[in-house]
Amino acid sequence: MTNLLHPLPDASRGEVFENLLTRPGCRIERIVSLGQVTPPERPYVQPHDEWVLVLAGRAVVEAEGAATALSPGDWLLIPAGAAHRVTFTDPDAPTVWLAVHFG
């Protein structure tokens, strides 16, 4: 893959997760969302840090009791062990994330 925004996979039936690079202690992935959210009863809790950057679209991430709205260019660091969930992604246009998992 040489472009993170073109072509985009169809995410209308579910989020699409694609590993771009995997190395010991680090994984970089592209995530494409289209209206998907994390179920309230199943927040993500990961054993590693995750840094996310929104490249296109819009999203809201709730972590540690605070909601953060993200637009293109906005990024967020989610510490290891922090319960978090996506409470909004744009249902009308793809939200494209770049996620770096490390530590």
PDB file of N, CA and C in Angstrom:
ATOM      1  N   MET A   1       0.856  -1.173   0.000  1.00  0.00           N
ATOM      2  CA  MET A   1       0.000   0.000   0.000  1.00  0.00           C
ATOM      3  C   MET A   1       0.901   1.234   0.000  1.00  0.00           C
ATOM      4  N   THR A   2       0.551   2.194  -0.805  1.00  0.00           N
ATOM      5  CA  THR A   2       1.367   3.399  -0.858  1.00  0.00           C
ATOM      6  C   THR A   2       0.597   4.658  -0.483  1.00  0.00           C
ATOM      7  N   ASN A   3      -0.730   4.586  -0.375  1.00  0.00           N
ATOM      8  CA  ASN A   3      -1.518   5.757  -0.009  1.00  0.00           C
ATOM      9  C   ASN A   3      -2.533   5.336   1.037  1.00  0.00           C
ATOM     10  N   LEU A   4      -2.601   6.039   2.152  1.00  0.00           N
ATOM     11  CA  LEU A   4      -3.506   5.666   3.232  1.00  0.00           C
ATOM     12  C   LEU A   4      -4.963   6.018   2.952  1.00  0.00           C
ATOM     13  N   LEU A   5      -5.196   6.914   1.985  1.00  0.00           N
ATOM     14  CA  LEU A   5      -6.559   7.375   1.727  1.00  0.00           C
ATOM     15  C   LEU A   5      -7.163   6.846   0.433  1.00  0.00           C
ATOM     16  N   HIS A   6      -6.353   6.238  -0.427  1.00  0.00           N
ATOM     17  CA  HIS A   6      -6.874   5.739  -1.704  1.00  0.00           C
ATOM     18  C   HIS A   6      -6.170   4.454  -2.083  1.00  0.00           C
ATOM     19  N   PRO A   7      -6.855   3.414  -2.455  1.00  0.00           N
ATOM     20  CA  PRO A   7      -8.304   3.252  -2.322  1.00  0.00           C
ATOM     21  C   PRO A   7      -8.664   2.855  -0.894  1.00  0.00           C
ATOM     22  N   LEU A   8      -9.880   3.175  -0.495  1.00  0.00           N
ATOM     23  CA  LEU A   8     -10.367   2.786   0.822  1.00  0.00           C
ATOM     24  C   LEU A   8     -11.240   1.543   0.703  1.00  0.00           C
ATOM     25  N   PRO A   9     -11.121   0.619   1.658  1.00  0.00           N
ATOM     26  CA  PRO A   9     -11.994  -0.548   1.643  1.00  0.00           C
ATOM     27  C   PRO A   9     -13.412  -0.154   2.051  1.00  0.00           C
ATOM     28  N   ASP A  10     -14.378  -0.964   1.684  1.00  0.00           N
ATOM     29  CA  ASP A  10     -15.775  -0.733   2.041  1.00  0.00           C
ATOM     30  C   ASP A  10     -15.975  -1.097   3.506  1.00  0.00           C
ATOM     31  N   ALA A  11     -16.306  -0.123   4.337  1.00  0.00           N
ATOM     32  CA  ALA A  11     -16.515  -0.360   5.761  1.00  0.00           C
ATOM     33  C   ALA A  11     -17.989  -0.337   6.133  1.00  0.00           C
ATOM     34  N   SER A  12     -18.873  -0.415   5.142  1.00  0.00           N
ATOM     35  CA  SER A  12     -20.302  -0.318   5.427  1.00  0.00           C
ATOM     36  C   SER A  12     -20.825  -1.503   6.236  1.00  0.00           C
ATOM     37  N   ARG A  13     -20.155  -2.633   6.196  1.00  0.00           N
ATOM     38  CA  ARG A  13     -20.603  -3.819   6.946  1.00  0.00           C
ATOM     39  C   ARG A  13     -19.798  -4.061   8.214  1.00  0.00           C
ATOM     40  N   GLY A  14     -18.787  -3.237   8.434  1.00  0.00           N
ATOM     41  CA  GLY A  14     -17.952  -3.379   9.625  1.00  0.00           C
ATOM     42  C   GLY A  14     -16.636  -2.671   9.439  1.00  0.00           C
ATOM     43  N   GLU A  15     -16.038  -2.282  10.553  1.00  0.00           N
ATOM     44  CA  GLU A  15     -14.743  -1.621  10.487  1.00  0.00           C
ATOM     45  C   GLU A  15     -13.727  -2.524   9.813  1.00  0.00           C
ATOM     46  N   VAL A  16     -12.795  -1.889   9.115  1.00  0.00           N
ATOM     47  CA  VAL A  16     -11.737  -2.632   8.430  1.00  0.00           C
ATOM     48  C   VAL A  16     -10.405  -2.257   9.075  1.00  0.00           C
ATOM     49  N   PHE A  17      -9.705  -3.277   9.571  1.00  0.00           N
ATOM     50  CA  PHE A  17      -8.408  -3.107  10.227  1.00  0.00           C
ATOM     51  C   PHE A  17      -7.345  -3.721   9.321  1.00  0.00           C
ATOM     52  N   GLU A  18      -6.323  -2.926   8.976  1.00  0.00           N
ATOM     53  CA  GLU A  18      -5.245  -3.423   8.122  1.00  0.00           C
ATOM     54  C   GLU A  18      -3.898  -3.104   8.750  1.00  0.00           C
ATOM     55  N   ASN A  19      -3.111  -4.143   9.038  1.00  0.00           N
ATOM     56  CA  ASN A  19      -1.764  -3.924   9.542  1.00  0.00           C
ATOM     57  C   ASN A  19      -0.899  -3.388   8.413  1.00  0.00           C
ATOM     58  N   LEU A  20      -0.222  -2.283   8.677  1.00  0.00           N
ATOM     59  CA  LEU A  20       0.680  -1.686   7.696  1.00  0.00           C
ATOM     60  C   LEU A  20       2.123  -2.081   7.966  1.00  0.00           C
ATOM     61  N   LEU A  21       2.452  -2.194   9.261  1.00  0.00           N
ATOM     62  CA  LEU A  21       3.823  -2.536   9.648  1.00  0.00           C
ATOM     63  C   LEU A  21       3.770  -3.194  11.018  1.00  0.00           C
ATOM     64  N   THR A  22       4.455  -4.302  11.146  1.00  0.00           N
ATOM     65  CA  THR A  22       4.546  -4.996  12.428  1.00  0.00           C
ATOM     66  C   THR A  22       6.009  -5.280  12.722  1.00  0.00           C
ATOM     67  N   ARG A  23       6.459  -4.826  13.879  1.00  0.00           N
ATOM     68  CA  ARG A  23       7.818  -5.050  14.347  1.00  0.00           C
ATOM     69  C   ARG A  23       7.736  -5.387  15.829  1.00  0.00           C
ATOM     70  N   PRO A  24       8.750  -6.008  16.394  1.00  0.00           N
ATOM     71  CA  PRO A  24       8.702  -6.291  17.828  1.00  0.00           C
ATOM     72  C   PRO A  24       8.425  -5.010  18.623  1.00  0.00           C
ATOM     73  N   GLY A  25       7.379  -5.042  19.418  1.00  0.00           N
ATOM     74  CA  GLY A  25       7.032  -3.904  20.257  1.00  0.00           C
ATOM     75  C   GLY A  25       6.279  -2.787  19.577  1.00  0.00           C
ATOM     76  N   CYS A  26       5.949  -2.953  18.286  1.00  0.00           N
ATOM     77  CA  CYS A  26       5.257  -1.881  17.557  1.00  0.00           C
ATOM     78  C   CYS A  26       4.406  -2.457  16.423  1.00  0.00           C
ATOM     79  N   ARG A  27       3.183  -1.963  16.317  1.00  0.00           N
ATOM     80  CA  ARG A  27       2.309  -2.323  15.200  1.00  0.00           C
ATOM     81  C   ARG A  27       1.610  -1.061  14.728  1.00  0.00           C
ATOM     82  N   ILE A  28       1.622  -0.826  13.424  1.00  0.00           N
ATOM     83  CA  ILE A  28       0.960   0.332  12.829  1.00  0.00           C
ATOM     84  C   ILE A  28      -0.158  -0.195  11.946  1.00  0.00           C
ATOM     85  N   GLU A  29      -1.358   0.358  12.135  1.00  0.00           N
ATOM     86  CA  GLU A  29      -2.494  -0.111  11.345  1.00  0.00           C
ATOM     87  C   GLU A  29      -3.328   1.046  10.833  1.00  0.00           C
ATOM     88  N   ARG A  30      -4.008   0.767   9.717  1.00  0.00           N
ATOM     89  CA  ARG A  30      -5.029   1.688   9.207  1.00  0.00           C
ATOM     90  C   ARG A  30      -6.375   1.088   9.579  1.00  0.00           C
ATOM     91  N   ILE A  31      -7.248   1.932  10.111  1.00  0.00           N
ATOM     92  CA  ILE A  31      -8.604   1.520  10.449  1.00  0.00           C
ATOM     93  C   ILE A  31      -9.544   2.403   9.653  1.00  0.00           C
ATOM     94  N   VAL A  32     -10.537   1.785   9.022  1.00  0.00           N
ATOM     95  CA  VAL A  32     -11.559   2.534   8.292  1.00  0.00           C
ATOM     96  C   VAL A  32     -12.901   2.225   8.948  1.00  0.00           C
ATOM     97  N   SER A  33     -13.583   3.278   9.405  1.00  0.00           N
ATOM     98  CA  SER A  33     -14.877   3.157  10.077  1.00  0.00           C
ATOM     99  C   SER A  33     -15.925   3.896   9.263  1.00  0.00           C
ATOM    100  N   LEU A  34     -17.163   3.445   9.366  1.00  0.00           N
ATOM    101  CA  LEU A  34     -18.285   4.123   8.704  1.00  0.00           C
ATOM    102  C   LEU A  34     -19.515   3.969   9.597  1.00  0.00           C
ATOM    103  N   GLY A  35     -19.574   4.805  10.631  1.00  0.00           N
ATOM    104  CA  GLY A  35     -20.704   4.779  11.548  1.00  0.00           C
ATOM    105  C   GLY A  35     -20.575   3.770  12.679  1.00  0.00           C
ATOM    106  N   GLN A  36     -19.504   2.997  12.720  1.00  0.00           N
ATOM    107  CA  GLN A  36     -19.362   2.005  13.783  1.00  0.00           C
ATOM    108  C   GLN A  36     -18.971   2.674  15.104  1.00  0.00           C
ATOM    109  N   VAL A  37     -19.413   2.068  16.199  1.00  0.00           N
ATOM    110  CA  VAL A  37     -19.054   2.504  17.549  1.00  0.00           C
ATOM    111  C   VAL A  37     -18.738   1.255  18.370  1.00  0.00           C
ATOM    112  N   THR A  38     -18.100   1.472  19.510  1.00  0.00           N
ATOM    113  CA  THR A  38     -17.799   0.387  20.426  1.00  0.00           C
ATOM    114  C   THR A  38     -19.011   0.169  21.333  1.00  0.00           C
ATOM    115  N   PRO A  39     -19.488  -1.064  21.455  1.00  0.00           N
ATOM    116  CA  PRO A  39     -20.616  -1.303  22.367  1.00  0.00           C
ATOM    117  C   PRO A  39     -20.266  -0.859  23.788  1.00  0.00           C
ATOM    118  N   PRO A  40     -21.192  -0.198  24.481  1.00  0.00           N
ATOM    119  CA  PRO A  40     -20.915   0.304  25.839  1.00  0.00           C
ATOM    120  C   PRO A  40     -20.466  -0.793  26.801  1.00  0.00           C
ATOM    121  N   GLU A  41     -20.976  -1.981  26.610  1.00  0.00           N
ATOM    122  CA  GLU A  41     -20.640  -3.065  27.532  1.00  0.00           C
ATOM    123  C   GLU A  41     -19.320  -3.767  27.192  1.00  0.00           C
ATOM    124  N   ARG A  42     -18.659  -3.339  26.101  1.00  0.00           N
ATOM    125  CA  ARG A  42     -17.408  -3.987  25.699  1.00  0.00           C
ATOM    126  C   ARG A  42     -16.327  -2.960  25.350  1.00  0.00           C
ATOM    127  N   PRO A  43     -15.928  -2.109  26.302  1.00  0.00           N
ATOM    128  CA  PRO A  43     -14.864  -1.148  25.992  1.00  0.00           C
ATOM    129  C   PRO A  43     -13.551  -1.883  25.722  1.00  0.00           C
ATOM    130  N   TYR A  44     -12.703  -1.227  24.958  1.00  0.00           N
ATOM    131  CA  TYR A  44     -11.360  -1.767  24.723  1.00  0.00           C
ATOM    132  C   TYR A  44     -10.499  -1.500  25.958  1.00  0.00           C
ATOM    133  N   VAL A  45      -9.734  -2.490  26.367  1.00  0.00           N
ATOM    134  CA  VAL A  45      -8.702  -2.335  27.391  1.00  0.00           C
ATOM    135  C   VAL A  45      -7.505  -3.108  26.864  1.00  0.00           C
ATOM    136  N   GLN A  46      -6.453  -2.412  26.539  1.00  0.00           N
ATOM    137  CA  GLN A  46      -5.305  -3.033  25.883  1.00  0.00           C
ATOM    138  C   GLN A  46      -4.089  -3.044  26.798  1.00  0.00           C
ATOM    139  N   PRO A  47      -3.225  -4.058  26.648  1.00  0.00           N
ATOM    140  CA  PRO A  47      -2.036  -4.135  27.493  1.00  0.00           C
ATOM    141  C   PRO A  47      -0.892  -3.240  27.007  1.00  0.00           C
ATOM    142  N   HIS A  48      -1.143  -2.435  25.980  1.00  0.00           N
ATOM    143  CA  HIS A  48      -0.107  -1.576  25.398  1.00  0.00           C
ATOM    144  C   HIS A  48      -0.684  -0.184  25.130  1.00  0.00           C
ATOM    145  N   ASP A  49       0.197   0.790  24.955  1.00  0.00           N
ATOM    146  CA  ASP A  49      -0.233   2.136  24.574  1.00  0.00           C
ATOM    147  C   ASP A  49      -0.699   2.129  23.123  1.00  0.00           C
ATOM    148  N   GLU A  50      -1.632   3.046  22.815  1.00  0.00           N
ATOM    149  CA  GLU A  50      -2.084   3.225  21.432  1.00  0.00           C
ATOM    150  C   GLU A  50      -2.166   4.720  21.141  1.00  0.00           C
ATOM    151  N   TRP A  51      -1.516   5.125  20.057  1.00  0.00           N
ATOM    152  CA  TRP A  51      -1.574   6.497  19.579  1.00  0.00           C
ATOM    153  C   TRP A  51      -2.408   6.469  18.307  1.00  0.00           C
ATOM    154  N   VAL A  52      -3.486   7.265  18.270  1.00  0.00           N
ATOM    155  CA  VAL A  52      -4.343   7.287  17.093  1.00  0.00           C
ATOM    156  C   VAL A  52      -4.391   8.686  16.497  1.00  0.00           C
ATOM    157  N   LEU A  53      -4.436   8.731  15.180  1.00  0.00           N
ATOM    158  CA  LEU A  53      -4.524   9.971  14.415  1.00  0.00           C
ATOM    159  C   LEU A  53      -5.670   9.803  13.425  1.00  0.00           C
ATOM    160  N   VAL A  54      -6.581  10.773  13.397  1.00  0.00           N
ATOM    161  CA  VAL A  54      -7.650  10.752  12.399  1.00  0.00           C
ATOM    162  C   VAL A  54      -7.132  11.447  11.148  1.00  0.00           C
ATOM    163  N   LEU A  55      -7.147  10.701  10.038  1.00  0.00           N
ATOM    164  CA  LEU A  55      -6.689  11.231   8.757  1.00  0.00           C
ATOM    165  C   LEU A  55      -7.837  11.815   7.940  1.00  0.00           C
ATOM    166  N   ALA A  56      -9.041  11.245   8.098  1.00  0.00           N
ATOM    167  CA  ALA A  56     -10.224  11.711   7.368  1.00  0.00           C
ATOM    168  C   ALA A  56     -11.450  11.352   8.191  1.00  0.00           C
ATOM    169  N   GLY A  57     -12.508  12.132   8.040  1.00  0.00           N
ATOM    170  CA  GLY A  57     -13.748  11.856   8.759  1.00  0.00           C
ATOM    171  C   GLY A  57     -13.760  12.487  10.140  1.00  0.00           C
ATOM    172  N   ARG A  58     -14.661  11.958  10.980  1.00  0.00           N
ATOM    173  CA  ARG A  58     -14.827  12.480  12.340  1.00  0.00           C
ATOM    174  C   ARG A  58     -15.095  11.321  13.285  1.00  0.00           C
ATOM    175  N   ALA A  59     -14.696  11.495  14.537  1.00  0.00           N
ATOM    176  CA  ALA A  59     -14.921  10.459  15.540  1.00  0.00           C
ATOM    177  C   ALA A  59     -14.940  11.085  16.926  1.00  0.00           C
ATOM    178  N   VAL A  60     -15.487  10.339  17.874  1.00  0.00           N
ATOM    179  CA  VAL A  60     -15.423  10.707  19.285  1.00  0.00           C
ATOM    180  C   VAL A  60     -14.939   9.477  20.032  1.00  0.00           C
ATOM    181  N   VAL A  61     -13.904   9.670  20.856  1.00  0.00           N
ATOM    182  CA  VAL A  61     -13.360   8.598  21.685  1.00  0.00           C
ATOM    183  C   VAL A  61     -13.571   8.989  23.136  1.00  0.00           C
ATOM    184  N   GLU A  62     -14.118   8.050  23.905  1.00  0.00           N
ATOM    185  CA  GLU A  62     -14.301   8.257  25.338  1.00  0.00           C
ATOM    186  C   GLU A  62     -13.258   7.417  26.056  1.00  0.00           C
ATOM    187  N   ALA A  63     -12.436   8.063  26.877  1.00  0.00           N
ATOM    188  CA  ALA A  63     -11.395   7.368  27.631  1.00  0.00           C
ATOM    189  C   ALA A  63     -11.287   8.004  29.011  1.00  0.00           C
ATOM    190  N   GLU A  64     -11.243   7.173  30.019  1.00  0.00           N
ATOM    191  CA  GLU A  64     -11.086   7.643  31.391  1.00  0.00           C
ATOM    192  C   GLU A  64     -12.111   8.718  31.743  1.00  0.00           C
ATOM    193  N   GLY A  65     -13.347   8.536  31.289  1.00  0.00           N
ATOM    194  CA  GLY A  65     -14.436   9.431  31.636  1.00  0.00           C
ATOM    195  C   GLY A  65     -14.539  10.709  30.841  1.00  0.00           C
ATOM    196  N   ALA A  66     -13.628  10.929  29.900  1.00  0.00           N
ATOM    197  CA  ALA A  66     -13.668  12.156  29.093  1.00  0.00           C
ATOM    198  C   ALA A  66     -13.864  11.804  27.627  1.00  0.00           C
ATOM    199  N   ALA A  67     -14.734  12.538  26.957  1.00  0.00           N
ATOM    200  CA  ALA A  67     -14.972  12.343  25.523  1.00  0.00           C
ATOM    201  C   ALA A  67     -14.142  13.348  24.747  1.00  0.00           C
ATOM    202  N   THR A  68     -13.478  12.853  23.696  1.00  0.00           N
ATOM    203  CA  THR A  68     -12.640  13.713  22.853  1.00  0.00           C
ATOM    204  C   THR A  68     -13.126  13.612  21.419  1.00  0.00           C
ATOM    205  N   ALA A  69     -13.546  14.745  20.843  1.00  0.00           N
ATOM    206  CA  ALA A  69     -13.947  14.790  19.434  1.00  0.00           C
ATOM    207  C   ALA A  69     -12.689  14.918  18.581  1.00  0.00           C
ATOM    208  N   LEU A  70     -12.616  14.113  17.539  1.00  0.00           N
ATOM    209  CA  LEU A  70     -11.446  14.098  16.659  1.00  0.00           C
ATOM    210  C   LEU A  70     -11.863  14.394  15.229  1.00  0.00           C
ATOM    211  N   SER A  71     -11.113  15.269  14.582  1.00  0.00           N
ATOM    212  CA  SER A  71     -11.266  15.613  13.173  1.00  0.00           C
ATOM    213  C   SER A  71      -9.923  15.376  12.496  1.00  0.00           C
ATOM    214  N   PRO A  72      -9.842  15.488  11.164  1.00  0.00           N
ATOM    215  CA  PRO A  72      -8.564  15.246  10.500  1.00  0.00           C
ATOM    216  C   PRO A  72      -7.422  16.058  11.112  1.00  0.00           C
ATOM    217  N   GLY A  73      -6.354  15.337  11.425  1.00  0.00           N
ATOM    218  CA  GLY A  73      -5.183  15.949  12.030  1.00  0.00           C
ATOM    219  C   GLY A  73      -5.131  15.815  13.540  1.00  0.00           C
ATOM    220  N   ASP A  74      -6.267  15.502  14.169  1.00  0.00           N
ATOM    221  CA  ASP A  74      -6.296  15.356  15.626  1.00  0.00           C
ATOM    222  C   ASP A  74      -5.788  13.972  16.019  1.00  0.00           C
ATOM    223  N   TRP A  75      -5.041  13.929  17.126  1.00  0.00           N
ATOM    224  CA  TRP A  75      -4.515  12.657  17.613  1.00  0.00           C
ATOM    225  C   TRP A  75      -4.760  12.530  19.107  1.00  0.00           C
ATOM    226  N   LEU A  76      -4.642  11.287  19.575  1.00  0.00           N
ATOM    227  CA  LEU A  76      -4.917  10.973  20.965  1.00  0.00           C
ATOM    228  C   LEU A  76      -4.014   9.825  21.400  1.00  0.00           C
ATOM    229  N   LEU A  77      -3.462   9.919  22.591  1.00  0.00           N
ATOM    230  CA  LEU A  77      -2.690   8.823  23.171  1.00  0.00           C
ATOM    231  C   LEU A  77      -3.572   8.128  24.197  1.00  0.00           C
ATOM    232  N   ILE A  78      -3.753   6.834  24.013  1.00  0.00           N
ATOM    233  CA  ILE A  78      -4.548   6.023  24.938  1.00  0.00           C
ATOM    234  C   ILE A  78      -3.564   5.137  25.705  1.00  0.00           C
ATOM    235  N   PRO A  79      -3.391   5.384  27.002  1.00  0.00           N
ATOM    236  CA  PRO A  79      -2.406   4.617  27.765  1.00  0.00           C
ATOM    237  C   PRO A  79      -2.815   3.149  27.931  1.00  0.00           C
ATOM    238  N   ALA A  80      -1.822   2.312  28.100  1.00  0.00           N
ATOM    239  CA  ALA A  80      -2.071   0.899  28.374  1.00  0.00           C
ATOM    240  C   ALA A  80      -2.986   0.771  29.584  1.00  0.00           C
ATOM    241  N   GLY A  81      -3.950  -0.142  29.491  1.00  0.00           N
ATOM    242  CA  GLY A  81      -4.852  -0.408  30.602  1.00  0.00           C
ATOM    243  C   GLY A  81      -6.029   0.533  30.726  1.00  0.00           C
ATOM    244  N   ALA A  82      -6.084   1.587  29.921  1.00  0.00           N
ATOM    245  CA  ALA A  82      -7.186   2.555  29.997  1.00  0.00           C
ATOM    246  C   ALA A  82      -8.398   2.025  29.234  1.00  0.00           C
ATOM    247  N   ALA A  83      -9.523   1.918  29.919  1.00  0.00           N
ATOM    248  CA  ALA A  83     -10.761   1.529  29.249  1.00  0.00           C
ATOM    249  C   ALA A  83     -11.160   2.673  28.311  1.00  0.00           C
ATOM    250  N   HIS A  84     -11.456   2.347  27.072  1.00  0.00           N
ATOM    251  CA  HIS A  84     -11.840   3.383  26.114  1.00  0.00           C
ATOM    252  C   HIS A  84     -12.791   2.793  25.085  1.00  0.00           C
ATOM    253  N   ARG A  85     -13.535   3.687  24.469  1.00  0.00           N
ATOM    254  CA  ARG A  85     -14.438   3.245  23.403  1.00  0.00           C
ATOM    255  C   ARG A  85     -14.706   4.377  22.433  1.00  0.00           C
ATOM    256  N   VAL A  86     -14.999   3.984  21.226  1.00  0.00           N
ATOM    257  CA  VAL A  86     -15.384   4.935  20.186  1.00  0.00           C
ATOM    258  C   VAL A  86     -16.894   5.097  20.301  1.00  0.00           C
ATOM    259  N   THR A  87     -17.359   6.332  20.533  1.00  0.00           N
ATOM    260  CA  THR A  87     -18.790   6.575  20.703  1.00  0.00           C
ATOM    261  C   THR A  87     -19.434   7.177  19.460  1.00  0.00           C
ATOM    262  N   PHE A  88     -18.592   7.568  18.477  1.00  0.00           N
ATOM    263  CA  PHE A  88     -19.130   8.121  17.229  1.00  0.00           C
ATOM    264  C   PHE A  88     -18.088   8.000  16.135  1.00  0.00           C
ATOM    265  N   THR A  89     -18.524   7.562  14.960  1.00  0.00           N
ATOM    266  CA  THR A  89     -17.785   7.765  13.712  1.00  0.00           C
ATOM    267  C   THR A  89     -18.811   8.198  12.680  1.00  0.00           C
ATOM    268  N   ASP A  90     -18.391   9.010  11.752  1.00  0.00           N
ATOM    269  CA  ASP A  90     -19.282   9.585  10.749  1.00  0.00           C
ATOM    270  C   ASP A  90     -19.985   8.474   9.969  1.00  0.00           C
ATOM    271  N   PRO A  91     -21.322   8.462   9.952  1.00  0.00           N
ATOM    272  CA  PRO A  91     -22.040   7.438   9.196  1.00  0.00           C
ATOM    273  C   PRO A  91     -22.127   7.735   7.695  1.00  0.00           C
ATOM    274  N   ASP A  92     -21.766   8.957   7.305  1.00  0.00           N
ATOM    275  CA  ASP A  92     -21.931   9.369   5.907  1.00  0.00           C
ATOM    276  C   ASP A  92     -20.642   9.395   5.100  1.00  0.00           C
ATOM    277  N   ALA A  93     -19.499   9.369   5.774  1.00  0.00           N
ATOM    278  CA  ALA A  93     -18.206   9.405   5.083  1.00  0.00           C
ATOM    279  C   ALA A  93     -17.213   8.597   5.908  1.00  0.00           C
ATOM    280  N   PRO A  94     -16.305   7.891   5.263  1.00  0.00           N
ATOM    281  CA  PRO A  94     -15.353   7.074   6.018  1.00  0.00           C
ATOM    282  C   PRO A  94     -14.499   7.899   6.978  1.00  0.00           C
ATOM    283  N   THR A  95     -14.304   7.335   8.152  1.00  0.00           N
ATOM    284  CA  THR A  95     -13.324   7.860   9.090  1.00  0.00           C
ATOM    285  C   THR A  95     -12.098   6.973   8.946  1.00  0.00           C
ATOM    286  N   VAL A  96     -10.966   7.587   8.655  1.00  0.00           N
ATOM    287  CA  VAL A  96      -9.719   6.843   8.454  1.00  0.00           C
ATOM    288  C   VAL A  96      -8.786   7.189   9.601  1.00  0.00           C
ATOM    289  N   TRP A  97      -8.350   6.148  10.290  1.00  0.00           N
ATOM    290  CA  TRP A  97      -7.464   6.279  11.441  1.00  0.00           C
ATOM    291  C   TRP A  97      -6.097   5.708  11.095  1.00  0.00           C
ATOM    292  N   LEU A  98      -5.065   6.278  11.698  1.00  0.00           N
ATOM    293  CA  LEU A  98      -3.753   5.661  11.729  1.00  0.00           C
ATOM    294  C   LEU A  98      -3.495   5.361  13.195  1.00  0.00           C
ATOM    295  N   ALA A  99      -3.313   4.075  13.515  1.00  0.00           N
ATOM    296  CA  ALA A  99      -3.113   3.663  14.904  1.00  0.00           C
ATOM    297  C   ALA A  99      -1.731   3.057  15.061  1.00  0.00           C
ATOM    298  N   VAL A 100      -1.023   3.507  16.098  1.00  0.00           N
ATOM    299  CA  VAL A 100       0.300   2.966  16.414  1.00  0.00           C
ATOM    300  C   VAL A 100       0.197   2.336  17.802  1.00  0.00           C
ATOM    301  N   HIS A 101       0.402   1.023  17.851  1.00  0.00           N
ATOM    302  CA  HIS A 101       0.360   0.269  19.100  1.00  0.00           C
ATOM    303  C   HIS A 101       1.809   0.005  19.516  1.00  0.00           C
ATOM    304  N   PHE A 102       2.145   0.332  20.773  1.00  0.00           N
ATOM    305  CA  PHE A 102       3.541   0.164  21.201  1.00  0.00           C
ATOM    306  C   PHE A 102       3.618  -0.026  22.692  1.00  0.00           C
ATOM    307  N   GLY A 103       4.765  -0.476  23.151  1.00  0.00           N
ATOM    308  CA  GLY A 103       5.019  -0.582  24.581  1.00  0.00           C
ATOM    309  C   GLY A 103       4.509  -1.862  25.193  1.00  0.00           C
TER     310      GLY A 103
END
